[in-house]
């Protein structure tokens, strides 16, 4: 993931902490796939988001599979 490489280049320990936090939050989607929120910019979209500050993980659920389809920094404009 580009975000991890970016963080790691500046501070390796922060990259490790972010990865652990992101994995913990994203793993919840296995049991609670609808626990994310609507994407404010695209409220009628089939996609949802999970926020792991300062990143937004965009995903969709298809059958019993959660597909993470994009990751954006909060400062970026979301485009789906």
Protein backbone atom coordinates (compact mmCIF):
# COMPACT_ATOMS: atom_id res chain seq x y z
CA UNK A 1 0.00 0.00 0.00
CA UNK A 2 1.43 3.37 -1.00
CA UNK A 3 0.27 4.98 2.24
CA UNK A 4 2.42 2.62 4.30
CA UNK A 5 5.47 3.28 2.13
CA UNK A 6 4.91 7.01 2.48
CA UNK A 7 4.56 6.83 6.28
CA UNK A 8 7.47 4.38 6.60
CA UNK A 9 9.81 6.70 4.69
CA UNK A 10 9.22 9.38 7.32
CA UNK A 11 8.80 7.26 10.47
CA UNK A 12 8.92 3.43 10.37
CA UNK A 13 7.33 2.99 13.80
CA UNK A 14 4.34 5.11 12.74
CA UNK A 15 3.88 2.92 9.67
CA UNK A 16 3.82 -0.20 11.83
CA UNK A 17 1.30 1.36 14.23
CA UNK A 18 -0.90 2.49 11.35
CA UNK A 19 -0.83 -0.96 9.76
CA UNK A 20 -1.82 -2.67 13.02
CA UNK A 21 -4.66 -0.19 13.55
CA UNK A 22 -5.89 -0.47 9.95
CA UNK A 23 -5.82 -4.29 10.04
CA UNK A 24 -7.77 -4.31 13.33
CA UNK A 25 -10.44 -1.94 12.04
CA UNK A 26 -10.72 -3.55 8.60
CA UNK A 27 -10.90 -7.07 10.06
CA UNK A 28 -14.15 -6.08 11.79
CA UNK A 29 -15.73 -5.97 8.34
CA UNK A 30 -15.53 -9.78 8.23
CA UNK A 31 -18.18 -9.99 10.95
CA UNK A 32 -19.88 -6.63 10.41
CA UNK A 33 -19.65 -5.77 6.70
CA UNK A 34 -22.28 -3.03 6.95
CA UNK A 35 -20.58 -1.29 9.86
CA UNK A 36 -18.95 1.30 7.61
CA UNK A 37 -20.54 4.60 6.79
CA UNK A 38 -21.94 6.11 3.63
CA UNK A 39 -19.52 8.18 1.61
CA UNK A 40 -20.77 11.77 1.97
CA UNK A 41 -19.66 12.70 -1.54
CA UNK A 42 -21.52 9.69 -2.99
CA UNK A 43 -24.51 8.92 -0.73
CA UNK A 44 -26.28 6.78 -3.36
CA UNK A 45 -23.22 4.66 -4.09
CA UNK A 46 -22.95 0.93 -3.40
CA UNK A 47 -19.67 1.71 -1.64
CA UNK A 48 -19.09 2.42 2.03
CA UNK A 49 -16.13 3.76 3.91
CA UNK A 50 -14.14 2.97 7.01
CA UNK A 51 -11.93 5.70 8.39
CA UNK A 52 -8.51 4.99 9.80
CA UNK A 53 -7.25 8.53 10.29
CA UNK A 54 -5.96 10.14 8.21
CA UNK A 55 -7.05 7.63 5.54
CA UNK A 56 -10.45 6.59 4.21
CA UNK A 57 -10.85 3.00 3.01
CA UNK A 58 -13.61 2.57 0.44
CA UNK A 59 -15.19 -0.86 0.08
CA UNK A 60 -18.16 -2.76 -1.22
CA UNK A 61 -19.73 -6.02 -0.16
CA UNK A 62 -20.44 -8.69 -2.77
CA UNK A 63 -22.05 -11.85 -1.45
CA UNK A 64 -19.89 -12.70 1.58
CA UNK A 65 -16.78 -10.89 0.34
CA UNK A 66 -15.63 -7.41 1.34
CA UNK A 67 -13.68 -5.71 -1.46
CA UNK A 68 -11.53 -2.73 -0.50
CA UNK A 69 -11.53 -0.72 -3.70
CA UNK A 70 -9.61 2.38 -2.75
CA UNK A 71 -7.72 4.25 -0.08
CA UNK A 72 -7.48 8.02 0.07
CA UNK A 73 -5.87 10.47 2.41
CA UNK A 74 -8.37 12.86 4.02
CA UNK A 75 -6.86 15.71 2.04
CA UNK A 76 -7.67 14.02 -1.28
CA UNK A 77 -10.93 14.33 -3.17
CA UNK A 78 -12.74 11.01 -3.25
CA UNK A 79 -13.43 9.70 -6.76
CA UNK A 80 -15.34 6.49 -7.30
